[in-house]
Amino acid sequence: MTQWYIVSCHPRAEQQACAEIAALGQTVYLPSLRKEFHHRRHRKWIRQHYPLWPGYLLVLASEHWSRVLDCQHVTRVLRSQTYAGAGVPIGISDADVQAIRLAQDTGQFDEMRVDRAAVKPGDRLKLHEGAFTGQAGTVESVGDDKIVLMINAMGRELRTVVPVERVAG
């Protein structure tokens, strides 16, 4: 059974750690998401890639596993907690990693702006800006520059009017 391990790396050095590990001949995977946001100063939309789990990546186990810890940007391998000291490295099955890859490829983690023309009542959208950031809601109606969402918050269903640029698909 193929086993992957969670490796911790220095903050904002996930790409460098991936390159170092790949140079050793190891198989490495950095789950990521795409985010699209409106740059206030340049007044244009920017699309960037971010790690799904900042500071962590996945490495496929092999006989050269110990060399991974010698990489400059790698800090440690996540291990289970024990009273006697270092525990067993935490493994993830290949099926789980493939499920994460599939979700990434289909855009389930992405926070992209929506095309107002494609949104219709009954669709589910997520707020990525404002008071209810991260909340998902059902579209009630679509206007020229605003969308009316029904979200569950504070123990009841609330109607919120949101600018189109603040929702993601």
N, C-alpha and C. Protein backbone atom coordinates (compact mmCIF):
# COMPACT_ATOMS: atom_id res chain seq x y z
N MET A 1 0.85 -1.18 0.00
CA MET A 1 0.00 0.00 0.00
C MET A 1 0.89 1.25 0.00
N THR A 2 0.62 2.16 -0.91
CA THR A 2 1.41 3.38 -1.04
C THR A 2 1.06 4.33 0.10
N GLN A 3 2.09 4.89 0.71
CA GLN A 3 1.89 5.77 1.86
C GLN A 3 2.56 7.12 1.61
N TRP A 4 1.85 8.19 1.94
CA TRP A 4 2.38 9.54 1.85
C TRP A 4 2.57 10.04 3.28
N TYR A 5 3.52 10.97 3.46
CA TYR A 5 3.77 11.54 4.78
C TYR A 5 3.67 13.05 4.72
N ILE A 6 3.25 13.65 5.84
CA ILE A 6 3.10 15.10 5.94
C ILE A 6 4.44 15.67 6.40
N VAL A 7 4.98 16.59 5.62
CA VAL A 7 6.25 17.22 5.93
C VAL A 7 6.02 18.70 6.20
N SER A 8 6.60 19.19 7.28
CA SER A 8 6.51 20.61 7.63
C SER A 8 7.71 21.33 7.05
N CYS A 9 7.49 22.54 6.54
CA CYS A 9 8.58 23.31 5.98
C CYS A 9 8.52 24.74 6.52
N HIS A 10 9.53 25.52 6.21
CA HIS A 10 9.57 26.90 6.67
C HIS A 10 8.39 27.69 6.08
N PRO A 11 7.90 28.70 6.81
CA PRO A 11 6.77 29.49 6.30
C PRO A 11 7.08 30.12 4.94
N ARG A 12 6.14 30.05 4.05
CA ARG A 12 6.23 30.61 2.70
C ARG A 12 7.38 30.04 1.87
N ALA A 13 7.83 28.84 2.24
CA ALA A 13 8.92 28.21 1.49
C ALA A 13 8.48 26.86 0.95
N GLU A 14 7.19 26.68 0.74
CA GLU A 14 6.68 25.40 0.26
C GLU A 14 7.23 25.05 -1.12
N GLN A 15 7.29 26.03 -2.02
CA GLN A 15 7.78 25.76 -3.37
C GLN A 15 9.26 25.36 -3.36
N GLN A 16 10.07 26.05 -2.54
CA GLN A 16 11.48 25.73 -2.45
C GLN A 16 11.67 24.33 -1.85
N ALA A 17 10.89 24.00 -0.82
CA ALA A 17 10.99 22.67 -0.21
C ALA A 17 10.60 21.60 -1.23
N CYS A 18 9.57 21.85 -2.02
CA CYS A 18 9.16 20.90 -3.06
C CYS A 18 10.29 20.68 -4.06
N ALA A 19 10.93 21.76 -4.48
CA ALA A 19 12.03 21.64 -5.45
C ALA A 19 13.20 20.85 -4.87
N GLU A 20 13.53 21.10 -3.60
CA GLU A 20 14.64 20.38 -2.96
C GLU A 20 14.34 18.88 -2.86
N ILE A 21 13.12 18.56 -2.44
CA ILE A 21 12.74 17.15 -2.28
C ILE A 21 12.67 16.45 -3.63
N ALA A 22 12.13 17.14 -4.63
CA ALA A 22 12.05 16.56 -5.98
C ALA A 22 13.45 16.32 -6.55
N ALA A 23 14.42 17.21 -6.20
CA ALA A 23 15.80 17.04 -6.68
C ALA A 23 16.43 15.78 -6.10
N LEU A 24 15.92 15.29 -4.97
CA LEU A 24 16.40 14.04 -4.37
C LEU A 24 15.84 12.81 -5.07
N GLY A 25 14.88 13.03 -5.96
CA GLY A 25 14.24 11.91 -6.65
C GLY A 25 12.98 11.44 -5.94
N GLN A 26 12.53 12.19 -4.95
CA GLN A 26 11.31 11.84 -4.21
C GLN A 26 10.09 12.40 -4.93
N THR A 27 8.97 11.75 -4.77
CA THR A 27 7.70 12.26 -5.29
C THR A 27 7.09 13.14 -4.23
N VAL A 28 6.78 14.38 -4.61
CA VAL A 28 6.25 15.36 -3.66
C VAL A 28 5.00 15.99 -4.26
N TYR A 29 4.06 16.35 -3.39
CA TYR A 29 2.80 16.96 -3.83
C TYR A 29 2.46 18.11 -2.90
N LEU A 30 2.25 19.28 -3.47
CA LEU A 30 1.85 20.47 -2.70
C LEU A 30 0.41 20.82 -3.10
N PRO A 31 -0.57 20.42 -2.29
CA PRO A 31 -1.96 20.79 -2.60
C PRO A 31 -2.11 22.31 -2.58
N SER A 32 -2.80 22.85 -3.58
CA SER A 32 -2.93 24.30 -3.65
C SER A 32 -4.34 24.70 -4.05
N LEU A 33 -4.61 26.00 -3.88
CA LEU A 33 -5.89 26.56 -4.29
C LEU A 33 -5.61 27.84 -5.06
N ARG A 34 -6.58 28.23 -5.87
CA ARG A 34 -6.47 29.49 -6.60
C ARG A 34 -7.37 30.51 -5.94
N LYS A 35 -6.87 31.73 -5.83
CA LYS A 35 -7.65 32.82 -5.26
C LYS A 35 -7.63 33.98 -6.24
N GLU A 36 -8.78 34.58 -6.40
CA GLU A 36 -8.87 35.74 -7.28
C GLU A 36 -9.37 36.90 -6.43
N PHE A 37 -8.66 38.02 -6.50
CA PHE A 37 -9.07 39.17 -5.70
C PHE A 37 -8.87 40.45 -6.48
N HIS A 38 -9.57 41.49 -6.06
CA HIS A 38 -9.50 42.78 -6.72
C HIS A 38 -8.43 43.60 -6.03
N HIS A 39 -7.38 43.96 -6.79
CA HIS A 39 -6.29 44.76 -6.24
C HIS A 39 -6.75 46.20 -6.15
N ARG A 40 -6.76 46.74 -4.95
CA ARG A 40 -7.29 48.09 -4.73
C ARG A 40 -6.47 49.17 -5.43
N ARG A 41 -5.17 49.06 -5.38
CA ARG A 41 -4.32 50.10 -5.95
C ARG A 41 -4.29 50.05 -7.47
N HIS A 42 -4.13 48.84 -8.03
CA HIS A 42 -4.03 48.71 -9.49
C HIS A 42 -5.40 48.61 -10.16
N ARG A 43 -6.43 48.41 -9.36
CA ARG A 43 -7.82 48.35 -9.85
C ARG A 43 -8.02 47.29 -10.94
N LYS A 44 -7.42 46.12 -10.70
CA LYS A 44 -7.66 45.00 -11.61
C LYS A 44 -7.72 43.71 -10.80
N TRP A 45 -8.27 42.68 -11.43
CA TRP A 45 -8.40 41.39 -10.77
C TRP A 45 -7.10 40.61 -10.91
N ILE A 46 -6.67 40.00 -9.81
CA ILE A 46 -5.44 39.23 -9.78
C ILE A 46 -5.76 37.81 -9.35
N ARG A 47 -5.16 36.84 -10.02
CA ARG A 47 -5.35 35.41 -9.71
C ARG A 47 -4.01 34.86 -9.23
N GLN A 48 -4.00 34.25 -8.03
CA GLN A 48 -2.77 33.68 -7.49
C GLN A 48 -3.03 32.29 -6.94
N HIS A 49 -1.95 31.51 -6.86
CA HIS A 49 -2.00 30.17 -6.26
C HIS A 49 -1.44 30.25 -4.86
N TYR A 50 -2.10 29.56 -3.92
CA TYR A 50 -1.67 29.50 -2.53
C TYR A 50 -1.68 28.04 -2.09
N PRO A 51 -0.81 27.69 -1.13
CA PRO A 51 -0.85 26.32 -0.61
C PRO A 51 -2.16 26.09 0.15
N LEU A 52 -2.72 24.90 0.00
CA LEU A 52 -3.95 24.56 0.71
C LEU A 52 -3.70 24.52 2.21
N TRP A 53 -2.54 23.97 2.59
CA TRP A 53 -2.13 23.92 4.00
C TRP A 53 -0.80 24.65 4.10
N PRO A 54 -0.81 25.94 4.41
CA PRO A 54 0.46 26.68 4.47
C PRO A 54 1.45 26.02 5.43
N GLY A 55 2.67 25.82 4.95
CA GLY A 55 3.72 25.24 5.76
C GLY A 55 3.80 23.72 5.71
N TYR A 56 2.94 23.07 4.89
CA TYR A 56 2.94 21.61 4.83
C TYR A 56 2.86 21.12 3.38
N LEU A 57 3.47 19.96 3.14
CA LEU A 57 3.36 19.31 1.84
C LEU A 57 3.39 17.80 2.07
N LEU A 58 3.12 17.05 1.01
CA LEU A 58 3.05 15.59 1.12
C LEU A 58 4.19 14.96 0.33
N VAL A 59 4.83 13.96 0.94
CA VAL A 59 5.95 13.27 0.29
C VAL A 59 5.66 11.78 0.29
N LEU A 60 5.85 11.16 -0.87
CA LEU A 60 5.65 9.72 -1.01
C LEU A 60 6.80 8.97 -0.35
N ALA A 61 6.48 7.96 0.44
CA ALA A 61 7.50 7.18 1.14
C ALA A 61 8.34 6.38 0.17
N SER A 62 9.65 6.28 0.47
CA SER A 62 10.56 5.46 -0.33
C SER A 62 11.73 5.03 0.55
N GLU A 63 12.67 4.31 -0.04
CA GLU A 63 13.82 3.85 0.75
C GLU A 63 14.78 4.99 1.09
N HIS A 64 14.67 6.12 0.39
CA HIS A 64 15.54 7.28 0.64
C HIS A 64 14.84 8.34 1.49
N TRP A 65 13.93 7.91 2.31
CA TRP A 65 13.08 8.81 3.08
C TRP A 65 13.89 9.71 4.01
N SER A 66 14.96 9.19 4.60
CA SER A 66 15.71 9.95 5.60
C SER A 66 16.39 11.20 5.00
N ARG A 67 16.66 11.21 3.71
CA ARG A 67 17.32 12.37 3.08
C ARG A 67 16.41 13.59 3.02
N VAL A 68 15.11 13.40 3.14
CA VAL A 68 14.16 14.51 3.08
C VAL A 68 14.42 15.49 4.22
N LEU A 69 14.75 14.98 5.39
CA LEU A 69 14.99 15.84 6.55
C LEU A 69 16.25 16.68 6.41
N ASP A 70 17.14 16.32 5.50
CA ASP A 70 18.37 17.09 5.29
C ASP A 70 18.16 18.31 4.40
N CYS A 71 16.99 18.46 3.81
CA CYS A 71 16.71 19.60 2.93
C CYS A 71 16.67 20.89 3.75
N GLN A 72 17.15 21.96 3.16
CA GLN A 72 17.28 23.24 3.83
C GLN A 72 15.94 23.82 4.31
N HIS A 73 14.90 23.70 3.50
CA HIS A 73 13.61 24.32 3.84
C HIS A 73 12.66 23.40 4.60
N VAL A 74 13.06 22.16 4.84
CA VAL A 74 12.22 21.21 5.57
C VAL A 74 12.55 21.30 7.05
N THR A 75 11.51 21.37 7.90
CA THR A 75 11.75 21.46 9.34
C THR A 75 11.57 20.12 10.04
N ARG A 76 10.53 19.37 9.66
CA ARG A 76 10.29 18.09 10.33
C ARG A 76 9.21 17.31 9.59
N VAL A 77 9.05 16.07 10.02
CA VAL A 77 7.97 15.21 9.54
C VAL A 77 6.96 15.14 10.68
N LEU A 78 5.69 15.31 10.38
CA LEU A 78 4.68 15.23 11.44
C LEU A 78 4.60 13.81 11.97
N ARG A 79 4.58 13.70 13.29
CA ARG A 79 4.54 12.40 13.94
C ARG A 79 3.42 12.36 14.96
N SER A 80 3.01 11.15 15.29
CA SER A 80 1.99 10.97 16.33
C SER A 80 2.63 11.30 17.69
N GLN A 81 1.82 11.68 18.65
CA GLN A 81 2.31 12.04 19.98
C GLN A 81 2.42 10.80 20.85
N THR A 82 3.56 10.66 21.53
CA THR A 82 3.73 9.57 22.50
C THR A 82 4.41 10.14 23.73
N TYR A 83 4.31 9.45 24.85
CA TYR A 83 4.97 9.89 26.07
C TYR A 83 6.46 9.64 26.04
N ALA A 84 6.91 8.64 25.29
CA ALA A 84 8.31 8.24 25.28
C ALA A 84 9.18 9.06 24.34
N GLY A 85 8.60 9.95 23.58
CA GLY A 85 9.41 10.75 22.65
C GLY A 85 8.79 10.79 21.27
N ALA A 86 9.64 10.66 20.25
CA ALA A 86 9.18 10.75 18.87
C ALA A 86 8.26 9.59 18.53
N GLY A 87 7.13 9.90 17.96
CA GLY A 87 6.15 8.89 17.57
C GLY A 87 6.37 8.44 16.14
N VAL A 88 5.40 7.77 15.62
CA VAL A 88 5.43 7.24 14.26
C VAL A 88 5.00 8.35 13.29
N PRO A 89 5.70 8.49 12.14
CA PRO A 89 5.27 9.50 11.16
C PRO A 89 3.81 9.28 10.76
N ILE A 90 3.08 10.39 10.63
CA ILE A 90 1.67 10.31 10.28
C ILE A 90 1.56 10.07 8.77
N GLY A 91 0.91 8.99 8.42
CA GLY A 91 0.77 8.62 7.02
C GLY A 91 -0.62 8.91 6.48
N ILE A 92 -0.67 9.14 5.18
CA ILE A 92 -1.94 9.35 4.47
C ILE A 92 -1.96 8.35 3.32
N SER A 93 -3.08 7.69 3.14
CA SER A 93 -3.16 6.69 2.07
C SER A 93 -3.16 7.35 0.70
N ASP A 94 -2.75 6.61 -0.30
CA ASP A 94 -2.72 7.12 -1.67
C ASP A 94 -4.12 7.47 -2.15
N ALA A 95 -5.12 6.72 -1.71
CA ALA A 95 -6.51 7.01 -2.12
C ALA A 95 -6.94 8.39 -1.60
N ASP A 96 -6.55 8.74 -0.38
CA ASP A 96 -6.89 10.05 0.17
C ASP A 96 -6.18 11.17 -0.59
N VAL A 97 -4.91 10.95 -0.95
CA VAL A 97 -4.17 11.95 -1.70
C VAL A 97 -4.78 12.13 -3.09
N GLN A 98 -5.20 11.03 -3.71
CA GLN A 98 -5.84 11.14 -5.03
C GLN A 98 -7.17 11.88 -4.94
N ALA A 99 -7.90 11.70 -3.84
CA ALA A 99 -9.15 12.44 -3.63
C ALA A 99 -8.88 13.93 -3.48
N ILE A 100 -7.79 14.28 -2.79
CA ILE A 100 -7.40 15.69 -2.65
C ILE A 100 -7.02 16.25 -4.01
N ARG A 101 -6.27 15.48 -4.79
CA ARG A 101 -5.89 15.92 -6.15
C ARG A 101 -7.12 16.16 -7.03
N LEU A 102 -8.08 15.25 -6.96
CA LEU A 102 -9.30 15.39 -7.75
C LEU A 102 -10.07 16.64 -7.34
N ALA A 103 -10.18 16.88 -6.04
CA ALA A 103 -10.87 18.08 -5.56
C ALA A 103 -10.15 19.34 -6.02
N GLN A 104 -8.82 19.31 -6.01
CA GLN A 104 -8.05 20.46 -6.47
C GLN A 104 -8.26 20.68 -7.97
N ASP A 105 -8.22 19.61 -8.74
CA ASP A 105 -8.38 19.71 -10.19
C ASP A 105 -9.76 20.21 -10.59
N THR A 106 -10.78 19.88 -9.80
CA THR A 106 -12.14 20.33 -10.12
C THR A 106 -12.44 21.71 -9.53
N GLY A 107 -11.47 22.29 -8.80
CA GLY A 107 -11.64 23.65 -8.29
C GLY A 107 -12.45 23.76 -7.02
N GLN A 108 -12.57 22.70 -6.25
CA GLN A 108 -13.38 22.75 -5.03
C GLN A 108 -12.78 23.64 -3.96
N PHE A 109 -11.47 23.86 -3.98
CA PHE A 109 -10.82 24.70 -2.97
C PHE A 109 -10.68 26.15 -3.43
N ASP A 110 -10.92 26.42 -4.70
CA ASP A 110 -10.68 27.73 -5.28
C ASP A 110 -11.66 28.78 -4.77
N GLU A 111 -11.16 30.02 -4.73
CA GLU A 111 -11.99 31.18 -4.38
C GLU A 111 -11.91 32.16 -5.54
N MET A 112 -12.71 31.88 -6.55
CA MET A 112 -12.70 32.69 -7.77
C MET A 112 -13.98 33.50 -7.84
N ARG A 113 -13.90 34.65 -8.51
CA ARG A 113 -15.11 35.47 -8.66
C ARG A 113 -16.09 34.75 -9.59
N VAL A 114 -17.33 35.07 -9.45
CA VAL A 114 -18.35 34.40 -10.24
C VAL A 114 -18.74 35.26 -11.45
N ASP A 115 -19.18 34.59 -12.48
CA ASP A 115 -19.70 35.27 -13.65
C ASP A 115 -21.18 35.53 -13.38
N ARG A 116 -21.54 36.80 -13.22
CA ARG A 116 -22.91 37.16 -12.85
C ARG A 116 -23.93 36.58 -13.81
N ALA A 117 -23.58 36.49 -15.10
CA ALA A 117 -24.52 35.98 -16.10
C ALA A 117 -24.81 34.50 -15.90
N ALA A 118 -23.88 33.76 -15.28
CA ALA A 118 -24.07 32.32 -15.09
C ALA A 118 -24.77 31.98 -13.77
N VAL A 119 -24.92 32.96 -12.89
CA VAL A 119 -25.55 32.71 -11.59
C VAL A 119 -27.06 32.77 -11.73
N LYS A 120 -27.73 31.78 -11.13
CA LYS A 120 -29.20 31.76 -11.18
C LYS A 120 -29.73 31.43 -9.78
N PRO A 121 -30.96 31.79 -9.49
CA PRO A 121 -31.53 31.48 -8.17
C PRO A 121 -31.44 29.98 -7.87
N GLY A 122 -31.09 29.68 -6.62
CA GLY A 122 -30.94 28.29 -6.19
C GLY A 122 -29.50 27.83 -6.15
N ASP A 123 -28.57 28.55 -6.82
CA ASP A 123 -27.15 28.19 -6.79
C ASP A 123 -26.58 28.43 -5.39
N ARG A 124 -25.52 27.69 -5.05
CA ARG A 124 -24.82 27.89 -3.77
C ARG A 124 -23.54 28.68 -4.04
N LEU A 125 -23.36 29.77 -3.32
CA LEU A 125 -22.17 30.60 -3.43
C LEU A 125 -21.58 30.83 -2.05
N LYS A 126 -20.29 31.16 -2.01
CA LYS A 126 -19.62 31.40 -0.75
C LYS A 126 -19.12 32.84 -0.72
N LEU A 127 -19.29 33.50 0.44
CA LEU A 127 -18.79 34.86 0.60
C LEU A 127 -17.31 34.82 0.90
N HIS A 128 -16.51 35.61 0.18
CA HIS A 128 -15.08 35.64 0.45
C HIS A 128 -14.62 36.99 0.97
N GLU A 129 -15.56 37.88 1.27
CA GLU A 129 -15.25 39.18 1.84
C GLU A 129 -16.44 39.65 2.65
N GLY A 130 -16.18 40.45 3.67
CA GLY A 130 -17.27 41.03 4.45
C GLY A 130 -17.50 40.35 5.78
N ALA A 131 -18.63 40.68 6.40
CA ALA A 131 -18.94 40.21 7.76
C ALA A 131 -19.12 38.70 7.84
N PHE A 132 -19.62 38.07 6.81
CA PHE A 132 -19.89 36.63 6.84
C PHE A 132 -18.91 35.85 5.97
N THR A 133 -17.64 36.25 5.97
CA THR A 133 -16.61 35.60 5.17
C THR A 133 -16.58 34.10 5.44
N GLY A 134 -16.58 33.31 4.37
CA GLY A 134 -16.54 31.86 4.49
C GLY A 134 -17.90 31.20 4.54
N GLN A 135 -18.96 31.95 4.79
CA GLN A 135 -20.31 31.40 4.84
C GLN A 135 -20.81 31.12 3.43
N ALA A 136 -21.50 30.02 3.28
CA ALA A 136 -22.12 29.69 2.00
C ALA A 136 -23.60 30.00 2.08
N GLY A 137 -24.18 30.38 0.97
CA GLY A 137 -25.59 30.70 0.95
C GLY A 137 -26.22 30.35 -0.38
N THR A 138 -27.55 30.36 -0.39
CA THR A 138 -28.32 30.06 -1.59
C THR A 138 -28.75 31.37 -2.25
N VAL A 139 -28.56 31.45 -3.56
CA VAL A 139 -28.92 32.65 -4.30
C VAL A 139 -30.44 32.77 -4.36
N GLU A 140 -30.95 33.92 -3.94
CA GLU A 140 -32.39 34.19 -4.03
C GLU A 140 -32.70 34.98 -5.29
N SER A 141 -31.88 35.99 -5.60
CA SER A 141 -32.06 36.76 -6.83
C SER A 141 -30.74 37.39 -7.24
N VAL A 142 -30.65 37.76 -8.52
CA VAL A 142 -29.44 38.34 -9.09
C VAL A 142 -29.79 39.65 -9.74
N GLY A 143 -29.07 40.71 -9.34
CA GLY A 143 -29.25 42.03 -9.95
C GLY A 143 -28.08 42.35 -10.85
N ASP A 144 -28.00 43.62 -11.29
CA ASP A 144 -26.90 44.01 -12.17
C ASP A 144 -25.55 43.94 -11.48
N ASP A 145 -25.47 44.42 -10.25
CA ASP A 145 -24.18 44.39 -9.55
C ASP A 145 -24.27 43.82 -8.14
N LYS A 146 -25.45 43.31 -7.75
CA LYS A 146 -25.64 42.73 -6.43
C LYS A 146 -26.37 41.39 -6.52
N ILE A 147 -26.08 40.54 -5.54
CA ILE A 147 -26.73 39.23 -5.44
C ILE A 147 -27.37 39.13 -4.07
N VAL A 148 -28.60 38.64 -4.01
CA VAL A 148 -29.28 38.42 -2.74
C VAL A 148 -29.07 36.97 -2.35
N LEU A 149 -28.44 36.76 -1.18
CA LEU A 149 -28.14 35.42 -0.67
C LEU A 149 -28.92 35.16 0.61
N MET A 150 -29.31 33.92 0.78
CA MET A 150 -29.89 33.46 2.04
C MET A 150 -28.83 32.61 2.72
N ILE A 151 -28.32 33.09 3.89
CA ILE A 151 -27.28 32.35 4.60
C ILE A 151 -27.77 31.99 6.00
N ASN A 152 -27.24 30.89 6.52
CA ASN A 152 -27.56 30.48 7.89
C ASN A 152 -26.53 31.11 8.82
N ALA A 153 -26.99 32.03 9.66
CA ALA A 153 -26.10 32.69 10.62
C ALA A 153 -26.92 33.09 11.84
N MET A 154 -26.26 33.08 12.98
CA MET A 154 -26.90 33.48 14.23
C MET A 154 -28.16 32.68 14.53
N GLY A 155 -28.17 31.42 14.15
CA GLY A 155 -29.28 30.54 14.47
C GLY A 155 -30.50 30.68 13.59
N ARG A 156 -30.40 31.43 12.52
CA ARG A 156 -31.55 31.57 11.62
C ARG A 156 -31.07 31.89 10.22
N GLU A 157 -32.00 31.89 9.29
CA GLU A 157 -31.66 32.19 7.91
C GLU A 157 -31.77 33.70 7.68
N LEU A 158 -30.69 34.29 7.18
CA LEU A 158 -30.63 35.73 6.95
C LEU A 158 -30.56 36.05 5.47
N ARG A 159 -31.23 37.11 5.08
CA ARG A 159 -31.16 37.59 3.69
C ARG A 159 -30.08 38.67 3.66
N THR A 160 -29.09 38.50 2.80
CA THR A 160 -28.02 39.48 2.66
C THR A 160 -27.90 39.90 1.21
N VAL A 161 -27.66 41.19 1.01
CA VAL A 161 -27.43 41.73 -0.32
C VAL A 161 -25.94 41.97 -0.43
N VAL A 162 -25.31 41.31 -1.41
CA VAL A 162 -23.87 41.30 -1.52
C VAL A 162 -23.45 41.76 -2.92
N PRO A 163 -22.40 42.62 -3.01
CA PRO A 163 -21.87 42.94 -4.33
C PRO A 163 -21.30 41.68 -5.00
N VAL A 164 -21.42 41.60 -6.31
CA VAL A 164 -21.00 40.42 -7.06
C VAL A 164 -19.54 40.06 -6.79
N GLU A 165 -18.67 41.05 -6.64
CA GLU A 165 -17.24 40.77 -6.46
C GLU A 165 -16.91 40.15 -5.09
N ARG A 166 -17.87 40.09 -4.17
CA ARG A 166 -17.61 39.52 -2.85
C ARG A 166 -18.03 38.07 -2.71
N VAL A 167 -18.52 37.46 -3.78
CA VAL A 167 -18.92 36.05 -3.71
C VAL A 167 -18.04 35.20 -4.63
N ALA A 168 -17.92 33.94 -4.26
CA ALA A 168 -17.13 32.99 -5.04
C ALA A 168 -18.00 31.79 -5.34
N GLY A 169 -17.69 31.10 -6.42
CA GLY A 169 -18.46 29.94 -6.84
C GLY A 169 -18.25 28.73 -6.00
